[in-house]
PDB file of N, CA and C in Angstrom:
ATOM      1  N   MET A   1     273.155 165.156 139.241  1.00  0.00           N
ATOM      2  CA  MET A   1     272.561 165.533 140.546  1.00  0.00           C
ATOM      3  C   MET A   1     271.124 165.153 140.532  1.00  0.00           C
ATOM      4  N   PRO A   2     270.609 164.463 141.555  1.00  0.00           N
ATOM      5  CA  PRO A   2     269.211 164.035 141.570  1.00  0.00           C
ATOM      6  C   PRO A   2     268.248 165.189 141.849  1.00  0.00           C
ATOM      7  N   ILE A   3     267.061 165.033 141.359  1.00  0.00           N
ATOM      8  CA  ILE A   3     265.986 165.978 141.665  1.00  0.00           C
ATOM      9  C   ILE A   3     264.920 165.197 142.411  1.00  0.00           C
ATOM     10  N   THR A   4     264.093 165.907 143.165  1.00  0.00           N
ATOM     11  CA  THR A   4     263.035 165.295 143.937  1.00  0.00           C
ATOM     12  C   THR A   4     261.702 165.554 143.272  1.00  0.00           C
ATOM     13  N   ASN A   5     260.881 164.533 143.093  1.00  0.00           N
ATOM     14  CA  ASN A   5     259.532 164.695 142.604  1.00  0.00           C
ATOM     15  C   ASN A   5     258.610 163.830 143.493  1.00  0.00           C
ATOM     16  N   ALA A   6     257.342 163.761 143.164  1.00  0.00           N
ATOM     17  CA  ALA A   6     256.371 163.055 143.991  1.00  0.00           C
ATOM     18  C   ALA A   6     256.720 161.580 144.150  1.00  0.00           C
ATOM     19  N   LYS A   7     257.449 161.014 143.210  1.00  0.00           N
ATOM     20  CA  LYS A   7     257.778 159.582 143.273  1.00  0.00           C
ATOM     21  C   LYS A   7     259.117 159.330 143.899  1.00  0.00           C
ATOM     22  N   GLY A   8     259.798 160.326 144.360  1.00  0.00           N
ATOM     23  CA  GLY A   8     261.092 160.130 145.005  1.00  0.00           C
ATOM     24  C   GLY A   8     262.206 160.787 144.203  1.00  0.00           C
ATOM     25  N   LEU A   9     263.402 160.273 144.368  1.00  0.00           N
ATOM     26  CA  LEU A   9     264.561 160.846 143.686  1.00  0.00           C
ATOM     27  C   LEU A   9     264.763 160.196 142.345  1.00  0.00           C
ATOM     28  N   LEU A  10     264.909 160.978 141.331  1.00  0.00           N
ATOM     29  CA  LEU A  10     265.181 160.530 139.964  1.00  0.00           C
ATOM     30  C   LEU A  10     266.336 161.288 139.368  1.00  0.00           C
ATOM     31  N   PRO A  11     267.165 160.629 138.591  1.00  0.00           N
ATOM     32  CA  PRO A  11     268.164 161.383 137.869  1.00  0.00           C
ATOM     33  C   PRO A  11     267.474 162.347 136.931  1.00  0.00           C
ATOM     34  N   GLN A  12     267.924 163.544 136.867  1.00  0.00           N
ATOM     35  CA  GLN A  12     267.285 164.600 136.082  1.00  0.00           C
ATOM     36  C   GLN A  12     267.071 164.194 134.625  1.00  0.00           C
ATOM     37  N   GLU A  13     268.081 163.554 134.036  1.00  0.00           N
ATOM     38  CA  GLU A  13     268.007 163.223 132.606  1.00  0.00           C
ATOM     39  C   GLU A  13     266.967 162.118 132.343  1.00  0.00           C
ATOM     40  N   SER A  14     266.503 161.375 133.348  1.00  0.00           N
ATOM     41  CA  SER A  14     265.549 160.285 133.068  1.00  0.00           C
ATOM     42  C   SER A  14     264.127 160.801 132.954  1.00  0.00           C
ATOM     43  N   ASP A  15     263.846 161.983 133.389  1.00  0.00           N
ATOM     44  CA  ASP A  15     262.521 162.576 133.328  1.00  0.00           C
ATOM     45  C   ASP A  15     262.515 163.676 132.338  1.00  0.00           C
ATOM     46  N   PRO A  16     261.737 163.555 131.237  1.00  0.00           N
ATOM     47  CA  PRO A  16     261.721 164.595 130.220  1.00  0.00           C
ATOM     48  C   PRO A  16     261.021 165.873 130.624  1.00  0.00           C
ATOM     49  N   LEU A  17     260.169 165.826 131.646  1.00  0.00           N
ATOM     50  CA  LEU A  17     259.376 167.004 132.020  1.00  0.00           C
ATOM     51  C   LEU A  17     260.169 167.973 132.885  1.00  0.00           C
ATOM     52  N   PHE A  18     260.309 169.184 132.396  1.00  0.00           N
ATOM     53  CA  PHE A  18     260.946 170.257 133.135  1.00  0.00           C
ATOM     54  C   PHE A  18     259.839 171.179 133.589  1.00  0.00           C
ATOM     55  N   ILE A  19     259.826 171.553 134.897  1.00  0.00           N
ATOM     56  CA  ILE A  19     258.871 172.487 135.428  1.00  0.00           C
ATOM     57  C   ILE A  19     259.670 173.604 136.059  1.00  0.00           C
ATOM     58  N   GLY A  20     259.470 174.830 135.532  1.00  0.00           N
ATOM     59  CA  GLY A  20     260.223 175.975 136.015  1.00  0.00           C
ATOM     60  C   GLY A  20     259.319 177.063 136.519  1.00  0.00           C
ATOM     61  N   LEU A  21     259.686 177.640 137.654  1.00  0.00           N
ATOM     62  CA  LEU A  21     258.966 178.792 138.225  1.00  0.00           C
ATOM     63  C   LEU A  21     259.613 180.047 137.731  1.00  0.00           C
ATOM     64  N   PHE A  22     258.876 180.866 137.018  1.00  0.00           N
ATOM     65  CA  PHE A  22     259.355 182.082 136.443  1.00  0.00           C
ATOM     66  C   PHE A  22     258.556 183.275 136.976  1.00  0.00           C
ATOM     67  N   PRO A  23     259.016 184.523 136.791  1.00  0.00           N
ATOM     68  CA  PRO A  23     258.302 185.664 137.315  1.00  0.00           C
ATOM     69  C   PRO A  23     256.826 185.763 136.899  1.00  0.00           C
ATOM     70  N   GLY A  24     256.515 185.313 135.697  1.00  0.00           N
ATOM     71  CA  GLY A  24     255.122 185.455 135.213  1.00  0.00           C
ATOM     72  C   GLY A  24     254.269 184.214 135.349  1.00  0.00           C
ATOM     73  N   GLY A  25     254.898 183.065 135.645  1.00  0.00           N
ATOM     74  CA  GLY A  25     254.122 181.821 135.748  1.00  0.00           C
ATOM     75  C   GLY A  25     255.002 180.608 135.746  1.00  0.00           C
ATOM     76  N   VAL A  26     254.324 179.456 135.669  1.00  0.00           N
ATOM     77  CA  VAL A  26     254.987 178.170 135.666  1.00  0.00           C
ATOM     78  C   VAL A  26     255.148 177.707 134.215  1.00  0.00           C
ATOM     79  N   SER A  27     256.379 177.363 133.841  1.00  0.00           N
ATOM     80  CA  SER A  27     256.648 176.895 132.490  1.00  0.00           C
ATOM     81  C   SER A  27     256.891 175.399 132.512  1.00  0.00           C
ATOM     82  N   TYR A  28     256.275 174.727 131.593  1.00  0.00           N
ATOM     83  CA  TYR A  28     256.460 173.264 131.451  1.00  0.00           C
ATOM     84  C   TYR A  28     257.123 173.040 130.098  1.00  0.00           C
ATOM     85  N   ALA A  29     258.187 172.199 130.099  1.00  0.00           N
ATOM     86  CA  ALA A  29     258.957 172.002 128.866  1.00  0.00           C
ATOM     87  C   ALA A  29     259.477 170.567 128.812  1.00  0.00           C
ATOM     88  N   ASN A  30     259.858 170.171 127.601  1.00  0.00           N
ATOM     89  CA  ASN A  30     260.438 168.866 127.356  1.00  0.00           C
ATOM     90  C   ASN A  30     261.943 168.980 127.305  1.00  0.00           C
ATOM     91  N   ARG A  31     262.637 168.475 128.298  1.00  0.00           N
ATOM     92  CA  ARG A  31     264.104 168.677 128.335  1.00  0.00           C
ATOM     93  C   ARG A  31     264.795 167.764 127.346  1.00  0.00           C
ATOM     94  N   ASN A  32     264.069 166.836 126.721  1.00  0.00           N
ATOM     95  CA  ASN A  32     264.715 165.965 125.710  1.00  0.00           C
ATOM     96  C   ASN A  32     264.622 166.497 124.307  1.00  0.00           C
ATOM     97  N   VAL A  33     263.880 167.613 124.118  1.00  0.00           N
ATOM     98  CA  VAL A  33     263.753 168.216 122.791  1.00  0.00           C
ATOM     99  C   VAL A  33     264.160 169.680 122.869  1.00  0.00           C
ATOM    100  N   GLU A  34     265.042 170.064 121.971  1.00  0.00           N
ATOM    101  CA  GLU A  34     265.530 171.432 121.973  1.00  0.00           C
ATOM    102  C   GLU A  34     264.841 172.198 120.844  1.00  0.00           C
ATOM    103  N   GLU A  35     264.460 173.433 121.150  1.00  0.00           N
ATOM    104  CA  GLU A  35     263.826 174.295 120.157  1.00  0.00           C
ATOM    105  C   GLU A  35     264.315 175.720 120.422  1.00  0.00           C
ATOM    106  N   HIS A  36     264.931 176.348 119.415  1.00  0.00           N
ATOM    107  CA  HIS A  36     265.441 177.700 119.520  1.00  0.00           C
ATOM    108  C   HIS A  36     266.473 177.817 120.663  1.00  0.00           C
ATOM    109  N   GLY A  37     267.294 176.777 120.866  1.00  0.00           N
ATOM    110  CA  GLY A  37     268.308 176.796 121.884  1.00  0.00           C
ATOM    111  C   GLY A  37     267.863 176.584 123.295  1.00  0.00           C
ATOM    112  N   ASP A  38     266.632 176.120 123.494  1.00  0.00           N
ATOM    113  CA  ASP A  38     266.104 175.902 124.845  1.00  0.00           C
ATOM    114  C   ASP A  38     265.241 174.647 124.806  1.00  0.00           C
ATOM    115  N   PHE A  39     264.825 174.180 126.010  1.00  0.00           N
ATOM    116  CA  PHE A  39     263.920 173.043 126.085  1.00  0.00           C
ATOM    117  C   PHE A  39     262.629 173.434 125.344  1.00  0.00           C
ATOM    118  N   LYS A  40     261.993 172.469 124.663  1.00  0.00           N
ATOM    119  CA  LYS A  40     260.760 172.713 123.939  1.00  0.00           C
ATOM    120  C   LYS A  40     259.615 173.021 124.920  1.00  0.00           C
ATOM    121  N   ARG A  41     259.001 174.145 124.717  1.00  0.00           N
ATOM    122  CA  ARG A  41     257.861 174.576 125.581  1.00  0.00           C
ATOM    123  C   ARG A  41     256.648 173.682 125.308  1.00  0.00           C
ATOM    124  N   LEU A  42     256.045 173.208 126.422  1.00  0.00           N
ATOM    125  CA  LEU A  42     254.862 172.386 126.306  1.00  0.00           C
ATOM    126  C   LEU A  42     253.623 173.096 126.816  1.00  0.00           C
ATOM    127  N   ALA A  43     253.776 173.897 127.864  1.00  0.00           N
ATOM    128  CA  ALA A  43     252.641 174.563 128.464  1.00  0.00           C
ATOM    129  C   ALA A  43     253.122 175.698 129.360  1.00  0.00           C
ATOM    130  N   PHE A  44     252.188 176.611 129.706  1.00  0.00           N
ATOM    131  CA  PHE A  44     252.492 177.706 130.573  1.00  0.00           C
ATOM    132  C   PHE A  44     251.267 177.985 131.453  1.00  0.00           C
ATOM    133  N   LEU A  45     251.490 178.238 132.721  1.00  0.00           N
ATOM    134  CA  LEU A  45     250.409 178.553 133.682  1.00  0.00           C
ATOM    135  C   LEU A  45     250.699 179.920 134.269  1.00  0.00           C
ATOM    136  N   PRO A  46     250.051 180.983 133.761  1.00  0.00           N
ATOM    137  CA  PRO A  46     250.276 182.311 134.319  1.00  0.00           C
ATOM    138  C   PRO A  46     249.724 182.444 135.747  1.00  0.00           C
ATOM    139  N   TYR A  47     250.506 183.120 136.601  1.00  0.00           N
ATOM    140  CA  TYR A  47     250.034 183.266 137.998  1.00  0.00           C
ATOM    141  C   TYR A  47     248.780 184.118 138.080  1.00  0.00           C
ATOM    142  N   ASP A  48     248.607 185.097 137.197  1.00  0.00           N
ATOM    143  CA  ASP A  48     247.455 185.995 137.327  1.00  0.00           C
ATOM    144  C   ASP A  48     246.147 185.366 136.948  1.00  0.00           C
ATOM    145  N   THR A  49     246.107 184.576 135.846  1.00  0.00           N
ATOM    146  CA  THR A  49     244.835 183.999 135.431  1.00  0.00           C
ATOM    147  C   THR A  49     244.681 182.549 135.816  1.00  0.00           C
ATOM    148  N   LEU A  50     245.743 181.871 136.060  1.00  0.00           N
ATOM    149  CA  LEU A  50     245.783 180.384 136.317  1.00  0.00           C
ATOM    150  C   LEU A  50     245.064 179.608 135.233  1.00  0.00           C
ATOM    151  N   ALA A  51     245.063 180.163 133.990  1.00  0.00           N
ATOM    152  CA  ALA A  51     244.493 179.469 132.877  1.00  0.00           C
ATOM    153  C   ALA A  51     245.630 178.753 132.134  1.00  0.00           C
ATOM    154  N   LEU A  52     245.657 177.428 132.234  1.00  0.00           N
ATOM    155  CA  LEU A  52     246.719 176.637 131.634  1.00  0.00           C
ATOM    156  C   LEU A  52     246.675 176.689 130.095  1.00  0.00           C
ATOM    157  N   GLU A  53     247.836 177.072 129.509  1.00  0.00           N
ATOM    158  CA  GLU A  53     247.965 177.134 128.055  1.00  0.00           C
ATOM    159  C   GLU A  53     248.848 175.997 127.611  1.00  0.00           C
ATOM    160  N   VAL A  54     248.254 174.976 127.006  1.00  0.00           N
ATOM    161  CA  VAL A  54     248.981 173.792 126.553  1.00  0.00           C
ATOM    162  C   VAL A  54     249.199 173.852 125.059  1.00  0.00           C
ATOM    163  N   GLN A  55     250.433 173.616 124.624  1.00  0.00           N
ATOM    164  CA  GLN A  55     250.757 173.627 123.186  1.00  0.00           C
ATOM    165  C   GLN A  55     250.022 172.448 122.505  1.00  0.00           C
ATOM    166  N   LYS A  56     249.614 172.645 121.268  1.00  0.00           N
ATOM    167  CA  LYS A  56     248.913 171.596 120.511  1.00  0.00           C
ATOM    168  C   LYS A  56     249.715 170.343 120.330  1.00  0.00           C
ATOM    169  N   ASP A  57     251.035 170.479 120.204  1.00  0.00           N
ATOM    170  CA  ASP A  57     251.856 169.300 119.967  1.00  0.00           C
ATOM    171  C   ASP A  57     252.455 168.674 121.253  1.00  0.00           C
ATOM    172  N   CYS A  58     251.871 168.965 122.397  1.00  0.00           N
ATOM    173  CA  CYS A  58     252.318 168.391 123.661  1.00  0.00           C
ATOM    174  C   CYS A  58     252.003 166.895 123.680  1.00  0.00           C
ATOM    175  N   PRO A  59     252.999 166.064 123.942  1.00  0.00           N
ATOM    176  CA  PRO A  59     252.757 164.624 123.989  1.00  0.00           C
ATOM    177  C   PRO A  59     251.712 164.272 125.067  1.00  0.00           C
ATOM    178  N   PRO A  60     250.806 163.340 124.742  1.00  0.00           N
ATOM    179  CA  PRO A  60     249.731 163.013 125.705  1.00  0.00           C
ATOM    180  C   PRO A  60     250.246 162.551 127.055  1.00  0.00           C
ATOM    181  N   GLU A  61     251.331 161.776 127.088  1.00  0.00           N
ATOM    182  CA  GLU A  61     251.818 161.271 128.374  1.00  0.00           C
ATOM    183  C   GLU A  61     252.358 162.434 129.244  1.00  0.00           C
ATOM    184  N   LEU A  62     252.881 163.478 128.638  1.00  0.00           N
ATOM    185  CA  LEU A  62     253.324 164.636 129.423  1.00  0.00           C
ATOM    186  C   LEU A  62     252.179 165.579 129.679  1.00  0.00           C
ATOM    187  N   ARG A  63     251.212 165.674 128.786  1.00  0.00           N
ATOM    188  CA  ARG A  63     250.025 166.525 128.978  1.00  0.00           C
ATOM    189  C   ARG A  63     249.305 166.156 130.276  1.00  0.00           C
ATOM    190  N   HIS A  64     249.127 164.860 130.488  1.00  0.00           N
ATOM    191  CA  HIS A  64     248.416 164.424 131.704  1.00  0.00           C
ATOM    192  C   HIS A  64     249.192 164.880 132.960  1.00  0.00           C
ATOM    193  N   ARG A  65     250.489 164.711 132.989  1.00  0.00           N
ATOM    194  CA  ARG A  65     251.286 165.133 134.133  1.00  0.00           C
ATOM    195  C   ARG A  65     251.230 166.627 134.367  1.00  0.00           C
ATOM    196  N   ILE A  66     251.248 167.380 133.260  1.00  0.00           N
ATOM    197  CA  ILE A  66     251.189 168.841 133.332  1.00  0.00           C
ATOM    198  C   ILE A  66     249.837 169.297 133.896  1.00  0.00           C
ATOM    199  N   VAL A  67     248.773 168.724 133.385  1.00  0.00           N
ATOM    200  CA  VAL A  67     247.435 169.120 133.858  1.00  0.00           C
ATOM    201  C   VAL A  67     247.300 168.787 135.346  1.00  0.00           C
ATOM    202  N   GLU A  68     247.775 167.628 135.777  1.00  0.00           N
ATOM    203  CA  GLU A  68     247.667 167.297 137.206  1.00  0.00           C
ATOM    204  C   GLU A  68     248.462 168.225 138.071  1.00  0.00           C
ATOM    205  N   ASP A  69     249.708 168.588 137.627  1.00  0.00           N
ATOM    206  CA  ASP A  69     250.506 169.515 138.395  1.00  0.00           C
ATOM    207  C   ASP A  69     249.823 170.912 138.450  1.00  0.00           C
ATOM    208  N   ALA A  70     249.327 171.384 137.321  1.00  0.00           N
ATOM    209  CA  ALA A  70     248.658 172.688 137.268  1.00  0.00           C
ATOM    210  C   ALA A  70     247.434 172.720 138.193  1.00  0.00           C
ATOM    211  N   LYS A  71     246.708 171.610 138.304  1.00  0.00           N
ATOM    212  CA  LYS A  71     245.525 171.555 139.180  1.00  0.00           C
ATOM    213  C   LYS A  71     245.893 171.843 140.617  1.00  0.00           C
ATOM    214  N   THR A  72     247.090 171.331 141.024  1.00  0.00           N
ATOM    215  CA  THR A  72     247.476 171.566 142.442  1.00  0.00           C
ATOM    216  C   THR A  72     247.758 173.050 142.702  1.00  0.00           C
ATOM    217  N   ILE A  73     248.287 173.750 141.683  1.00  0.00           N
ATOM    218  CA  ILE A  73     248.521 175.191 141.834  1.00  0.00           C
ATOM    219  C   ILE A  73     247.227 175.968 141.699  1.00  0.00           C
ATOM    220  N   GLN A  74     246.372 175.605 140.754  1.00  0.00           N
ATOM    221  CA  GLN A  74     245.094 176.270 140.573  1.00  0.00           C
ATOM    222  C   GLN A  74     244.197 176.163 141.822  1.00  0.00           C
ATOM    223  N   ALA A  75     244.324 175.058 142.547  1.00  0.00           N
ATOM    224  CA  ALA A  75     243.558 174.841 143.761  1.00  0.00           C
ATOM    225  C   ALA A  75     243.939 175.855 144.886  1.00  0.00           C
ATOM    226  N   ARG A  76     245.067 176.496 144.705  1.00  0.00           N
ATOM    227  CA  ARG A  76     245.571 177.482 145.690  1.00  0.00           C
ATOM    228  C   ARG A  76     245.194 178.895 145.361  1.00  0.00           C
ATOM    229  N   ARG A  77     244.258 179.094 144.457  1.00  0.00           N
ATOM    230  CA  ARG A  77     243.837 180.445 143.996  1.00  0.00           C
ATOM    231  C   ARG A  77     243.618 181.338 145.244  1.00  0.00           C
ATOM    232  N   GLY A  78     244.160 182.587 145.145  1.00  0.00           N
ATOM    233  CA  GLY A  78     244.003 183.546 146.239  1.00  0.00           C
ATOM    234  C   GLY A  78     245.084 183.448 147.294  1.00  0.00           C
ATOM    235  N   GLN A  79     245.907 182.418 147.268  1.00  0.00           N
ATOM    236  CA  GLN A  79     246.954 182.239 148.241  1.00  0.00           C
ATOM    237  C   GLN A  79     248.285 182.774 147.732  1.00  0.00           C
ATOM    238  N   GLN A  80     249.191 183.060 148.659  1.00  0.00           N
ATOM    239  CA  GLN A  80     250.538 183.454 148.288  1.00  0.00           C
ATOM    240  C   GLN A  80     251.287 182.171 147.824  1.00  0.00           C
ATOM    241  N   PHE A  81     252.103 182.342 146.770  1.00  0.00           N
ATOM    242  CA  PHE A  81     252.877 181.227 146.202  1.00  0.00           C
ATOM    243  C   PHE A  81     254.305 181.662 146.073  1.00  0.00           C
ATOM    244  N   ARG A  82     255.201 180.917 146.660  1.00  0.00           N
ATOM    245  CA  ARG A  82     256.610 181.248 146.666  1.00  0.00           C
ATOM    246  C   ARG A  82     257.233 180.962 145.315  1.00  0.00           C
ATOM    247  N   ILE A  83     257.929 181.928 144.739  1.00  0.00           N
ATOM    248  CA  ILE A  83     258.527 181.770 143.420  1.00  0.00           C
ATOM    249  C   ILE A  83     260.028 181.853 143.387  1.00  0.00           C
ATOM    250  N   SER A  84     260.643 182.057 144.545  1.00  0.00           N
ATOM    251  CA  SER A  84     262.104 182.136 144.581  1.00  0.00           C
ATOM    252  C   SER A  84     262.629 181.643 145.926  1.00  0.00           C
ATOM    253  N   THR A  85     263.918 181.354 145.931  1.00  0.00           N
ATOM    254  CA  THR A  85     264.559 180.909 147.177  1.00  0.00           C
ATOM    255  C   THR A  85     264.740 182.060 148.168  1.00  0.00           C
ATOM    256  N   CYS A  86     264.638 183.305 147.737  1.00  0.00           N
ATOM    257  CA  CYS A  86     264.822 184.415 148.619  1.00  0.00           C
ATOM    258  C   CYS A  86     263.452 184.854 149.261  1.00  0.00           C
ATOM    259  N   GLY A  87     262.416 184.117 148.980  1.00  0.00           N
ATOM    260  CA  GLY A  87     261.128 184.391 149.634  1.00  0.00           C
ATOM    261  C   GLY A  87     260.131 185.216 148.853  1.00  0.00           C
ATOM    262  N   GLN A  88     260.409 185.564 147.626  1.00  0.00           N
ATOM    263  CA  GLN A  88     259.448 186.323 146.823  1.00  0.00           C
ATOM    264  C   GLN A  88     258.184 185.479 146.626  1.00  0.00           C
ATOM    265  N   THR A  89     257.035 186.129 146.740  1.00  0.00           N
ATOM    266  CA  THR A  89     255.778 185.452 146.506  1.00  0.00           C
ATOM    267  C   THR A  89     254.889 186.241 145.570  1.00  0.00           C
ATOM    268  N   VAL A  90     253.917 185.523 144.988  1.00  0.00           N
ATOM    269  CA  VAL A  90     252.884 186.157 144.164  1.00  0.00           C
ATOM    270  C   VAL A  90     251.541 185.651 144.699  1.00  0.00           C
ATOM    271  N   ARG A  91     250.487 186.431 144.510  1.00  0.00           N
ATOM    272  CA  ARG A  91     249.132 185.927 144.833  1.00  0.00           C
ATOM    273  C   ARG A  91     248.620 185.230 143.602  1.00  0.00           C
ATOM    274  N   LEU A  92     248.138 184.009 143.781  1.00  0.00           N
ATOM    275  CA  LEU A  92     247.657 183.221 142.652  1.00  0.00           C
ATOM    276  C   LEU A  92     246.244 183.658 142.273  1.00  0.00           C
ATOM    277  N   GLY A  93     246.050 183.856 140.962  1.00  0.00           N
ATOM    278  CA  GLY A  93     244.743 184.241 140.440  1.00  0.00           C
ATOM    279  C   GLY A  93     244.459 185.713 140.679  1.00  0.00           C
ATOM    280  N   ARG A  94     243.358 186.156 140.073  1.00  0.00           N
ATOM    281  CA  ARG A  94     242.986 187.593 140.219  1.00  0.00           C
ATOM    282  C   ARG A  94     242.005 187.741 141.333  1.00  0.00           C
TER     283      ARG A  94
END
């Protein structure tokens, strides 16, 4: 099943970067590497602080994409951000 990103439709398996919206923040992971039974975590952006936490072993080519994506969310500090399909939102930043 295709996913949509800024460059259009891509087969999910062709893009290693997984971006997931979770109750506490945005999780960035490498879907091509498994660690402890899940995608390998690369970074996390908490909704409350908006301080991006990047793992030391994050590949440079994915680090750049993660930082750029996080900047778009960080730019929305103080705004409501939708985290679910049922309309739940969080206020970004403190």
